[in-house]
Amino acid sequence: MITAYWEISFNPFSSSATNNFCFESDDFKQATARLKHLYETKGMGLFVGKPGTGKTHTIKSSVESLNPGLFKVFYAPLSSVTVLEFYKAIAIGLGIDPPFKKIDLFNVIQERIISLAKDKRITPVIVCDEAQKLSAKILSDLKIIFNFDMDSVKYAVLILAGSTALASTLSMGSHEALAQRILINYTFTGLSKDEMTEYITSQLKNCGATQTIFQEKAFDSLWDCCSGSLRVVNSLVENCLRIGAQKGAKLIDSDIVFMANSELKFV
């Protein structure tokens, strides 16, 4: 319905869209540059921000661009797990059959990381998304498991990504030792108003739109509703297109934006 009515080849704002182009916001550029530096120097990086500001998308895009012959990427799943489960997940991700005891897990993980770095010249890259859910015990262990040769050598990259609550947690005195090991610390601020407008118009152009679909004032209304969240922008715009089509509108105006926002309960 949306594509036929607005004469576009696909809906670029749908979460299931597979042919979206990568919009390079300032956050995307800044975080990508910092990630590149992290790959070169190795060590720990902290990337935080409000939900929907593009953390996961940026990190995923960055690690997927890495040469698999030089980097071994592993996403640590299920951040809300026990210490032992976390160790086992890392071991499996590194291609190890995990032993039963924690101390043995610790040793084989470190040995595997060192072997990859020294023998195969491969840098392990471990990504912990939703890291604000990691327990205090896991956070305490991270500074130990990634400590090589008394902290004189870095063999791996650890990326911690999560909400701003993660930064607050690491600022606590109990995690000072881990916080001091953070080499890169970047906070996502979300889309600016100009970036939001550029993103929407670029996406529409990318899917073949040849006509103007949004009134200029509608962009102001969208900005008031999204607060810089790319995820909210996608949901709002998709709902606007649906409502506009149902109403037979020629253009999306502020009234349609507020109606879409009300339905999605973002205010």
C-alpha atoms as a PDB file:
ATOM      1  CA  MET A   1       0.000   0.000   0.000  1.00  0.00           C
ATOM      2  CA  ILE A   2       2.716   2.490   0.993  1.00  0.00           C
ATOM      3  CA  THR A   3       4.956   1.763  -1.976  1.00  0.00           C
ATOM      4  CA  ALA A   4       2.172   1.868  -4.569  1.00  0.00           C
ATOM      5  CA  TYR A   5       0.560   5.029  -3.207  1.00  0.00           C
ATOM      6  CA  TRP A   6       3.769   7.048  -2.890  1.00  0.00           C
ATOM      7  CA  GLU A   7       5.264   5.503  -6.033  1.00  0.00           C
ATOM      8  CA  ILE A   8       8.421   4.145  -4.387  1.00  0.00           C
ATOM      9  CA  SER A   9      10.108   0.829  -5.116  1.00  0.00           C
ATOM     10  CA  PHE A  10      10.361  -0.248  -1.466  1.00  0.00           C
ATOM     11  CA  ASN A  11       9.801   1.054   2.032  1.00  0.00           C
ATOM     12  CA  PRO A  12      13.267   2.218   3.204  1.00  0.00           C
ATOM     13  CA  PHE A  13      12.083   2.949   6.758  1.00  0.00           C
ATOM     14  CA  SER A  14      10.913  -0.575   7.529  1.00  0.00           C
ATOM     15  CA  SER A  15      12.966  -2.581  10.024  1.00  0.00           C
ATOM     16  CA  SER A  16      12.904  -5.452   7.521  1.00  0.00           C
ATOM     17  CA  ALA A  17      14.325  -3.362   4.658  1.00  0.00           C
ATOM     18  CA  THR A  18      17.496  -4.988   3.340  1.00  0.00           C
ATOM     19  CA  ASN A  19      18.527  -2.480   0.688  1.00  0.00           C
ATOM     20  CA  ASN A  20      18.884   0.633   2.825  1.00  0.00           C
ATOM     21  CA  PHE A  21      21.953   2.654   2.071  1.00  0.00           C
ATOM     22  CA  CYS A  22      24.200   3.594   4.965  1.00  0.00           C
ATOM     23  CA  PHE A  23      23.524   7.153   6.080  1.00  0.00           C
ATOM     24  CA  GLU A  24      26.704   8.594   7.556  1.00  0.00           C
ATOM     25  CA  SER A  25      25.646  10.895  10.361  1.00  0.00           C
ATOM     26  CA  ASP A  26      28.195  12.799  12.414  1.00  0.00           C
ATOM     27  CA  ASP A  27      27.877  10.134  15.110  1.00  0.00           C
ATOM     28  CA  PHE A  28      28.568   7.445  12.523  1.00  0.00           C
ATOM     29  CA  LYS A  29      31.666   9.222  11.225  1.00  0.00           C
ATOM     30  CA  GLN A  30      33.030  10.095  14.659  1.00  0.00           C
ATOM     31  CA  ALA A  31      32.483   6.637  16.136  1.00  0.00           C
ATOM     32  CA  THR A  32      33.816   4.866  13.028  1.00  0.00           C
ATOM     33  CA  ALA A  33      37.024   6.903  13.153  1.00  0.00           C
ATOM     34  CA  ARG A  34      37.482   6.006  16.820  1.00  0.00           C
ATOM     35  CA  LEU A  35      36.824   2.344  16.129  1.00  0.00           C
ATOM     36  CA  LYS A  36      39.451   2.383  13.383  1.00  0.00           C
ATOM     37  CA  HIS A  37      41.962   3.811  15.853  1.00  0.00           C
ATOM     38  CA  LEU A  38      40.975   1.117  18.355  1.00  0.00           C
ATOM     39  CA  TYR A  39      41.637  -1.653  15.820  1.00  0.00           C
ATOM     40  CA  GLU A  40      45.093  -0.216  15.190  1.00  0.00           C
ATOM     41  CA  THR A  41      46.107   0.269  18.810  1.00  0.00           C
ATOM     42  CA  LYS A  42      44.059  -2.555  20.397  1.00  0.00           C
ATOM     43  CA  GLY A  43      42.569  -2.275  23.876  1.00  0.00           C
ATOM     44  CA  MET A  44      39.133  -1.343  25.209  1.00  0.00           C
ATOM     45  CA  GLY A  45      36.573   1.058  23.767  1.00  0.00           C
ATOM     46  CA  LEU A  46      33.378   2.365  25.352  1.00  0.00           C
ATOM     47  CA  PHE A  47      30.471   3.494  23.149  1.00  0.00           C
ATOM     48  CA  VAL A  48      27.314   4.702  24.872  1.00  0.00           C
ATOM     49  CA  GLY A  49      24.176   6.654  24.027  1.00  0.00           C
ATOM     50  CA  LYS A  50      20.422   6.747  24.351  1.00  0.00           C
ATOM     51  CA  PRO A  51      18.410   3.941  22.706  1.00  0.00           C
ATOM     52  CA  GLY A  52      18.003   4.279  18.949  1.00  0.00           C
ATOM     53  CA  THR A  53      20.960   6.608  18.360  1.00  0.00           C
ATOM     54  CA  GLY A  54      22.794   4.154  16.086  1.00  0.00           C
ATOM     55  CA  LYS A  55      25.359   2.458  18.340  1.00  0.00           C
ATOM     56  CA  THR A  56      24.724  -1.109  17.215  1.00  0.00           C
ATOM     57  CA  HIS A  57      24.371  -0.170  13.538  1.00  0.00           C
ATOM     58  CA  THR A  58      27.646   1.800  13.563  1.00  0.00           C
ATOM     59  CA  ILE A  59      29.636  -0.884  15.347  1.00  0.00           C
ATOM     60  CA  LYS A  60      28.199  -3.646  13.170  1.00  0.00           C
ATOM     61  CA  SER A  61      29.008  -1.693  10.018  1.00  0.00           C
ATOM     62  CA  SER A  62      32.541  -1.095  11.266  1.00  0.00           C
ATOM     63  CA  VAL A  63      33.408  -4.661  12.259  1.00  0.00           C
ATOM     64  CA  GLU A  64      31.868  -6.062   9.077  1.00  0.00           C
ATOM     65  CA  SER A  65      34.362  -3.979   7.102  1.00  0.00           C
ATOM     66  CA  LEU A  66      37.332  -5.643   8.812  1.00  0.00           C
ATOM     67  CA  ASN A  67      39.573  -8.047   6.913  1.00  0.00           C
ATOM     68  CA  PRO A  68      38.709 -11.562   8.218  1.00  0.00           C
ATOM     69  CA  GLY A  69      42.301 -12.550   7.570  1.00  0.00           C
ATOM     70  CA  LEU A  70      43.486  -9.995  10.123  1.00  0.00           C
ATOM     71  CA  PHE A  71      40.616  -9.837  12.611  1.00  0.00           C
ATOM     72  CA  LYS A  72      38.396 -12.418  14.314  1.00  0.00           C
ATOM     73  CA  VAL A  73      35.137 -10.753  15.360  1.00  0.00           C
ATOM     74  CA  PHE A  74      32.894 -12.184  18.043  1.00  0.00           C
ATOM     75  CA  TYR A  75      29.633 -10.737  19.379  1.00  0.00           C
ATOM     76  CA  ALA A  76      29.192 -11.648  23.039  1.00  0.00           C
ATOM     77  CA  PRO A  77      25.477 -12.534  23.274  1.00  0.00           C
ATOM     78  CA  LEU A  78      23.094 -12.190  26.178  1.00  0.00           C
ATOM     79  CA  SER A  79      24.783  -9.613  28.386  1.00  0.00           C
ATOM     80  CA  SER A  80      22.543 -10.584  31.323  1.00  0.00           C
ATOM     81  CA  VAL A  81      24.303 -13.885  32.011  1.00  0.00           C
ATOM     82  CA  THR A  82      26.394 -15.340  34.807  1.00  0.00           C
ATOM     83  CA  VAL A  83      30.163 -14.931  34.927  1.00  0.00           C
ATOM     84  CA  LEU A  84      30.711 -18.565  33.959  1.00  0.00           C
ATOM     85  CA  GLU A  85      28.241 -18.345  31.058  1.00  0.00           C
ATOM     86  CA  PHE A  86      29.981 -15.192  29.852  1.00  0.00           C
ATOM     87  CA  TYR A  87      33.371 -16.895  29.897  1.00  0.00           C
ATOM     88  CA  LYS A  88      31.973 -19.909  28.066  1.00  0.00           C
ATOM     89  CA  ALA A  89      30.430 -17.685  25.398  1.00  0.00           C
ATOM     90  CA  ILE A  90      33.769 -15.964  24.791  1.00  0.00           C
ATOM     91  CA  ALA A  91      35.558 -19.310  24.646  1.00  0.00           C
ATOM     92  CA  ILE A  92      33.109 -20.688  22.077  1.00  0.00           C
ATOM     93  CA  GLY A  93      33.354 -17.479  20.076  1.00  0.00           C
ATOM     94  CA  LEU A  94      37.107 -17.886  19.952  1.00  0.00           C
ATOM     95  CA  GLY A  95      36.747 -21.462  18.716  1.00  0.00           C
ATOM     96  CA  ILE A  96      37.519 -23.179  22.027  1.00  0.00           C
ATOM     97  CA  ASP A  97      35.755 -26.137  23.574  1.00  0.00           C
ATOM     98  CA  PRO A  98      35.077 -24.544  26.987  1.00  0.00           C
ATOM     99  CA  PRO A  99      36.348 -26.389  30.048  1.00  0.00           C
ATOM    100  CA  PHE A 100      34.149 -26.644  33.122  1.00  0.00           C
ATOM    101  CA  LYS A 101      36.042 -24.596  35.702  1.00  0.00           C
ATOM    102  CA  LYS A 102      36.291 -20.798  35.609  1.00  0.00           C
ATOM    103  CA  ILE A 103      40.059 -20.748  36.138  1.00  0.00           C
ATOM    104  CA  ASP A 104      40.541 -23.133  33.224  1.00  0.00           C
ATOM    105  CA  LEU A 105      38.244 -21.018  31.064  1.00  0.00           C
ATOM    106  CA  PHE A 106      40.263 -17.936  31.947  1.00  0.00           C
ATOM    107  CA  ASN A 107      43.522 -19.622  30.998  1.00  0.00           C
ATOM    108  CA  VAL A 108      42.369 -21.092  27.674  1.00  0.00           C
ATOM    109  CA  ILE A 109      40.797 -17.768  26.625  1.00  0.00           C
ATOM    110  CA  GLN A 110      43.993 -15.867  27.294  1.00  0.00           C
ATOM    111  CA  GLU A 111      46.085 -18.554  25.593  1.00  0.00           C
ATOM    112  CA  ARG A 112      43.812 -18.476  22.533  1.00  0.00           C
ATOM    113  CA  ILE A 113      43.959 -14.672  22.273  1.00  0.00           C
ATOM    114  CA  ILE A 114      47.752 -14.695  22.557  1.00  0.00           C
ATOM    115  CA  SER A 115      48.043 -17.522  20.019  1.00  0.00           C
ATOM    116  CA  LEU A 116      45.853 -15.700  17.492  1.00  0.00           C
ATOM    117  CA  ALA A 117      47.818 -12.468  17.924  1.00  0.00           C
ATOM    118  CA  LYS A 118      51.331 -13.907  17.963  1.00  0.00           C
ATOM    119  CA  ASP A 119      51.145 -17.014  15.796  1.00  0.00           C
ATOM    120  CA  LYS A 120      48.504 -16.035  13.236  1.00  0.00           C
ATOM    121  CA  ARG A 121      48.747 -12.235  13.374  1.00  0.00           C
ATOM    122  CA  ILE A 122      44.996 -12.091  13.931  1.00  0.00           C
ATOM    123  CA  THR A 123      43.439  -9.570  16.330  1.00  0.00           C
ATOM    124  CA  PRO A 124      40.395 -10.846  18.236  1.00  0.00           C
ATOM    125  CA  VAL A 125      37.594  -8.242  18.367  1.00  0.00           C
ATOM    126  CA  ILE A 126      35.012  -8.933  21.054  1.00  0.00           C
ATOM    127  CA  VAL A 127      31.827  -6.855  20.971  1.00  0.00           C
ATOM    128  CA  CYS A 128      29.616  -6.683  24.067  1.00  0.00           C
ATOM    129  CA  ASP A 129      26.361  -4.973  23.130  1.00  0.00           C
ATOM    130  CA  GLU A 130      23.805  -3.944  25.768  1.00  0.00           C
ATOM    131  CA  ALA A 131      26.779  -4.008  28.126  1.00  0.00           C
ATOM    132  CA  GLN A 132      24.904  -2.008  30.761  1.00  0.00           C
ATOM    133  CA  LYS A 133      23.362  -5.364  31.666  1.00  0.00           C
ATOM    134  CA  LEU A 134      26.712  -6.957  32.510  1.00  0.00           C
ATOM    135  CA  SER A 135      26.999  -7.821  36.182  1.00  0.00           C
ATOM    136  CA  ALA A 136      29.506  -6.153  38.478  1.00  0.00           C
ATOM    137  CA  LYS A 137      31.397  -9.460  38.683  1.00  0.00           C
ATOM    138  CA  ILE A 138      31.794  -9.672  34.914  1.00  0.00           C
ATOM    139  CA  LEU A 139      32.937  -6.053  34.691  1.00  0.00           C
ATOM    140  CA  SER A 140      35.496  -6.750  37.422  1.00  0.00           C
ATOM    141  CA  ASP A 141      36.776  -9.778  35.537  1.00  0.00           C
ATOM    142  CA  LEU A 142      37.159  -7.933  32.239  1.00  0.00           C
ATOM    143  CA  LYS A 143      40.128  -5.960  33.510  1.00  0.00           C
ATOM    144  CA  ILE A 144      41.805  -9.254  34.434  1.00  0.00           C
ATOM    145  CA  ILE A 145      41.071 -11.393  31.398  1.00  0.00           C
ATOM    146  CA  PHE A 146      42.344  -8.678  29.041  1.00  0.00           C
ATOM    147  CA  ASN A 147      45.475  -8.067  31.099  1.00  0.00           C
ATOM    148  CA  PHE A 148      48.482  -9.467  29.237  1.00  0.00           C
ATOM    149  CA  ASP A 149      52.089  -9.380  30.467  1.00  0.00           C
ATOM    150  CA  MET A 150      51.168  -7.156  33.407  1.00  0.00           C
ATOM    151  CA  ASP A 151      49.236  -4.767  31.163  1.00  0.00           C
ATOM    152  CA  SER A 152      52.268  -4.052  28.994  1.00  0.00           C
ATOM    153  CA  VAL A 153      50.858  -5.618  25.796  1.00  0.00           C
ATOM    154  CA  LYS A 154      47.465  -5.448  24.068  1.00  0.00           C
ATOM    155  CA  TYR A 155      46.493  -8.447  21.963  1.00  0.00           C
ATOM    156  CA  ALA A 156      42.750  -7.927  21.500  1.00  0.00           C
ATOM    157  CA  VAL A 157      40.009  -5.339  21.046  1.00  0.00           C
ATOM    158  CA  LEU A 158      37.100  -5.201  23.460  1.00  0.00           C
ATOM    159  CA  ILE A 159      34.128  -3.016  22.499  1.00  0.00           C
ATOM    160  CA  LEU A 160      31.620  -2.227  25.234  1.00  0.00           C
ATOM    161  CA  ALA A 161      28.408  -0.687  23.891  1.00  0.00           C
ATOM    162  CA  GLY A 162      25.328   0.263  25.845  1.00  0.00           C
ATOM    163  CA  SER A 163      23.130   2.946  27.307  1.00  0.00           C
ATOM    164  CA  THR A 164      24.455   5.968  29.159  1.00  0.00           C
ATOM    165  CA  ALA A 165      23.876   3.980  32.354  1.00  0.00           C
ATOM    166  CA  LEU A 166      26.962   1.955  31.426  1.00  0.00           C
ATOM    167  CA  ALA A 167      29.156   5.057  31.598  1.00  0.00           C
ATOM    168  CA  SER A 168      27.656   5.898  34.978  1.00  0.00           C
ATOM    169  CA  THR A 169      28.399   2.396  36.238  1.00  0.00           C
ATOM    170  CA  LEU A 170      32.017   2.554  35.110  1.00  0.00           C
ATOM    171  CA  SER A 171      32.459   5.924  36.806  1.00  0.00           C
ATOM    172  CA  MET A 172      31.895   4.260  40.172  1.00  0.00           C
ATOM    173  CA  GLY A 173      34.928   3.734  42.354  1.00  0.00           C
ATOM    174  CA  SER A 174      34.479  -0.034  42.323  1.00  0.00           C
ATOM    175  CA  HIS A 175      35.137  -0.068  38.552  1.00  0.00           C
ATOM    176  CA  GLU A 176      37.923   2.514  38.474  1.00  0.00           C
ATOM    177  CA  ALA A 177      40.518  -0.061  37.429  1.00  0.00           C
ATOM    178  CA  LEU A 178      38.438  -1.029  34.393  1.00  0.00           C
ATOM    179  CA  ALA A 179      37.572   2.577  33.529  1.00  0.00           C
ATOM    180  CA  GLN A 180      41.262   3.494  33.500  1.00  0.00           C
ATOM    181  CA  ARG A 181      41.833   0.872  30.807  1.00  0.00           C
ATOM    182  CA  ILE A 182      39.264   2.432  28.440  1.00  0.00           C
ATOM    183  CA  LEU A 183      41.238   3.789  25.500  1.00  0.00           C
ATOM    184  CA  ILE A 184      38.277   5.187  23.520  1.00  0.00           C
ATOM    185  CA  ASN A 185      35.180   6.714  25.110  1.00  0.00           C
ATOM    186  CA  TYR A 186      32.492   8.006  22.739  1.00  0.00           C
ATOM    187  CA  THR A 187      28.919   9.108  23.456  1.00  0.00           C
ATOM    188  CA  PHE A 188      26.323   9.033  20.659  1.00  0.00           C
ATOM    189  CA  THR A 189      24.192  12.176  20.634  1.00  0.00           C
ATOM    190  CA  GLY A 190      21.736  11.146  17.893  1.00  0.00           C
ATOM    191  CA  LEU A 191      20.726  12.882  14.682  1.00  0.00           C
ATOM    192  CA  SER A 192      20.720  16.653  14.444  1.00  0.00           C
ATOM    193  CA  LYS A 193      17.665  18.273  12.891  1.00  0.00           C
ATOM    194  CA  ASP A 194      19.463  18.828   9.584  1.00  0.00           C
ATOM    195  CA  GLU A 195      20.726  15.243   9.599  1.00  0.00           C
ATOM    196  CA  MET A 196      17.227  13.926  10.243  1.00  0.00           C
ATOM    197  CA  THR A 197      15.861  15.881   7.270  1.00  0.00           C
ATOM    198  CA  GLU A 198      18.742  14.778   5.054  1.00  0.00           C
ATOM    199  CA  TYR A 199      18.300  11.165   6.149  1.00  0.00           C
ATOM    200  CA  ILE A 200      14.577  11.098   5.313  1.00  0.00           C
ATOM    201  CA  THR A 201      14.956  12.818   1.941  1.00  0.00           C
ATOM    202  CA  SER A 202      17.949  10.635   1.021  1.00  0.00           C
ATOM    203  CA  GLN A 203      16.102   7.461   1.915  1.00  0.00           C
ATOM    204  CA  LEU A 204      13.106   8.485  -0.157  1.00  0.00           C
ATOM    205  CA  LYS A 205      15.330   9.340  -3.095  1.00  0.00           C
ATOM    206  CA  ASN A 206      17.123   6.019  -2.696  1.00  0.00           C
ATOM    207  CA  CYS A 207      13.851   4.113  -3.104  1.00  0.00           C
ATOM    208  CA  GLY A 208      12.895   6.004  -6.255  1.00  0.00           C
ATOM    209  CA  ALA A 209      10.669   8.821  -4.998  1.00  0.00           C
ATOM    210  CA  THR A 210      10.414  11.549  -7.626  1.00  0.00           C
ATOM    211  CA  GLN A 211       7.748  13.697  -5.977  1.00  0.00           C
ATOM    212  CA  THR A 212       7.846  15.792  -2.799  1.00  0.00           C
ATOM    213  CA  ILE A 213       6.257  13.760  -0.010  1.00  0.00           C
ATOM    214  CA  PHE A 214       6.842  15.805   3.174  1.00  0.00           C
ATOM    215  CA  GLN A 215       5.963  19.440   3.725  1.00  0.00           C
ATOM    216  CA  GLU A 216       8.799  21.518   5.167  1.00  0.00           C
ATOM    217  CA  LYS A 217       6.871  22.118   8.400  1.00  0.00           C
ATOM    218  CA  ALA A 218       6.374  18.367   8.742  1.00  0.00           C
ATOM    219  CA  PHE A 219      10.130  18.006   9.281  1.00  0.00           C
ATOM    220  CA  ASP A 220       9.897  20.418  12.221  1.00  0.00           C
ATOM    221  CA  SER A 221       7.158  18.285  13.704  1.00  0.00           C
ATOM    222  CA  LEU A 222       9.119  15.092  13.137  1.00  0.00           C
ATOM    223  CA  TRP A 223      12.097  16.608  14.918  1.00  0.00           C
ATOM    224  CA  ASP A 224       9.949  17.574  17.888  1.00  0.00           C
ATOM    225  CA  CYS A 225       8.825  13.953  18.155  1.00  0.00           C
ATOM    226  CA  CYS A 226      12.031  11.990  17.530  1.00  0.00           C
ATOM    227  CA  SER A 227      14.634  13.770  19.720  1.00  0.00           C
ATOM    228  CA  GLY A 228      17.435  12.578  17.468  1.00  0.00           C
ATOM    229  CA  SER A 229      16.605   8.866  17.644  1.00  0.00           C
ATOM    230  CA  LEU A 230      17.069   7.175  14.272  1.00  0.00           C
ATOM    231  CA  ARG A 231      14.918   4.261  15.390  1.00  0.00           C
ATOM    232  CA  VAL A 232      12.048   6.597  16.261  1.00  0.00           C
ATOM    233  CA  VAL A 233      12.467   8.469  12.974  1.00  0.00           C
ATOM    234  CA  ASN A 234      12.106   5.235  11.007  1.00  0.00           C
ATOM    235  CA  SER A 235       8.983   4.188  12.912  1.00  0.00           C
ATOM    236  CA  LEU A 236       7.413   7.633  12.690  1.00  0.00           C
ATOM    237  CA  VAL A 237       8.058   8.133   8.985  1.00  0.00           C
ATOM    238  CA  GLU A 238       6.779   4.671   8.136  1.00  0.00           C
ATOM    239  CA  ASN A 239       3.598   5.385  10.093  1.00  0.00           C
ATOM    240  CA  CYS A 240       3.259   8.792   8.412  1.00  0.00           C
ATOM    241  CA  LEU A 241       3.447   7.184   4.982  1.00  0.00           C
ATOM    242  CA  ARG A 242       0.813   4.628   5.960  1.00  0.00           C
ATOM    243  CA  ILE A 243      -1.589   7.194   7.412  1.00  0.00           C
ATOM    244  CA  GLY A 244      -1.024   9.555   4.504  1.00  0.00           C
ATOM    245  CA  ALA A 245      -1.854   6.798   2.043  1.00  0.00           C
ATOM    246  CA  GLN A 246      -4.979   5.821   3.969  1.00  0.00           C
ATOM    247  CA  LYS A 247      -6.158   9.438   3.983  1.00  0.00           C
ATOM    248  CA  GLY A 248      -5.344   9.965   0.325  1.00  0.00           C
ATOM    249  CA  ALA A 249      -3.048  12.866   1.243  1.00  0.00           C
ATOM    250  CA  LYS A 250      -0.949  14.560  -1.410  1.00  0.00           C
ATOM    251  CA  LEU A 251       1.681  15.541   1.142  1.00  0.00           C
ATOM    252  CA  ILE A 252       2.600  14.562   4.681  1.00  0.00           C
ATOM    253  CA  ASP A 253       1.866  17.551   6.925  1.00  0.00           C
ATOM    254  CA  SER A 254       2.271  18.236  10.646  1.00  0.00           C
ATOM    255  CA  ASP A 255      -1.199  16.896  11.455  1.00  0.00           C
ATOM    256  CA  ILE A 256      -0.289  13.510   9.995  1.00  0.00           C
ATOM    257  CA  VAL A 257       3.024  13.520  11.867  1.00  0.00           C
ATOM    258  CA  PHE A 258       1.314  14.156  15.200  1.00  0.00           C
ATOM    259  CA  MET A 259      -1.300  11.516  14.427  1.00  0.00           C
ATOM    260  CA  ALA A 260       1.447   9.002  13.643  1.00  0.00           C
ATOM    261  CA  ASN A 261       3.304   9.957  16.788  1.00  0.00           C
ATOM    262  CA  SER A 262       0.188   9.586  18.912  1.00  0.00           C
ATOM    263  CA  GLU A 263      -0.449   6.092  17.547  1.00  0.00           C
ATOM    264  CA  LEU A 264       3.101   5.044  18.348  1.00  0.00           C
ATOM    265  CA  LYS A 265       2.854   6.602  21.814  1.00  0.00           C
ATOM    266  CA  PHE A 266       6.210   8.357  21.683  1.00  0.00           C
ATOM    267  CA  VAL A 267       4.865  11.406  23.538  1.00  0.00           C
END
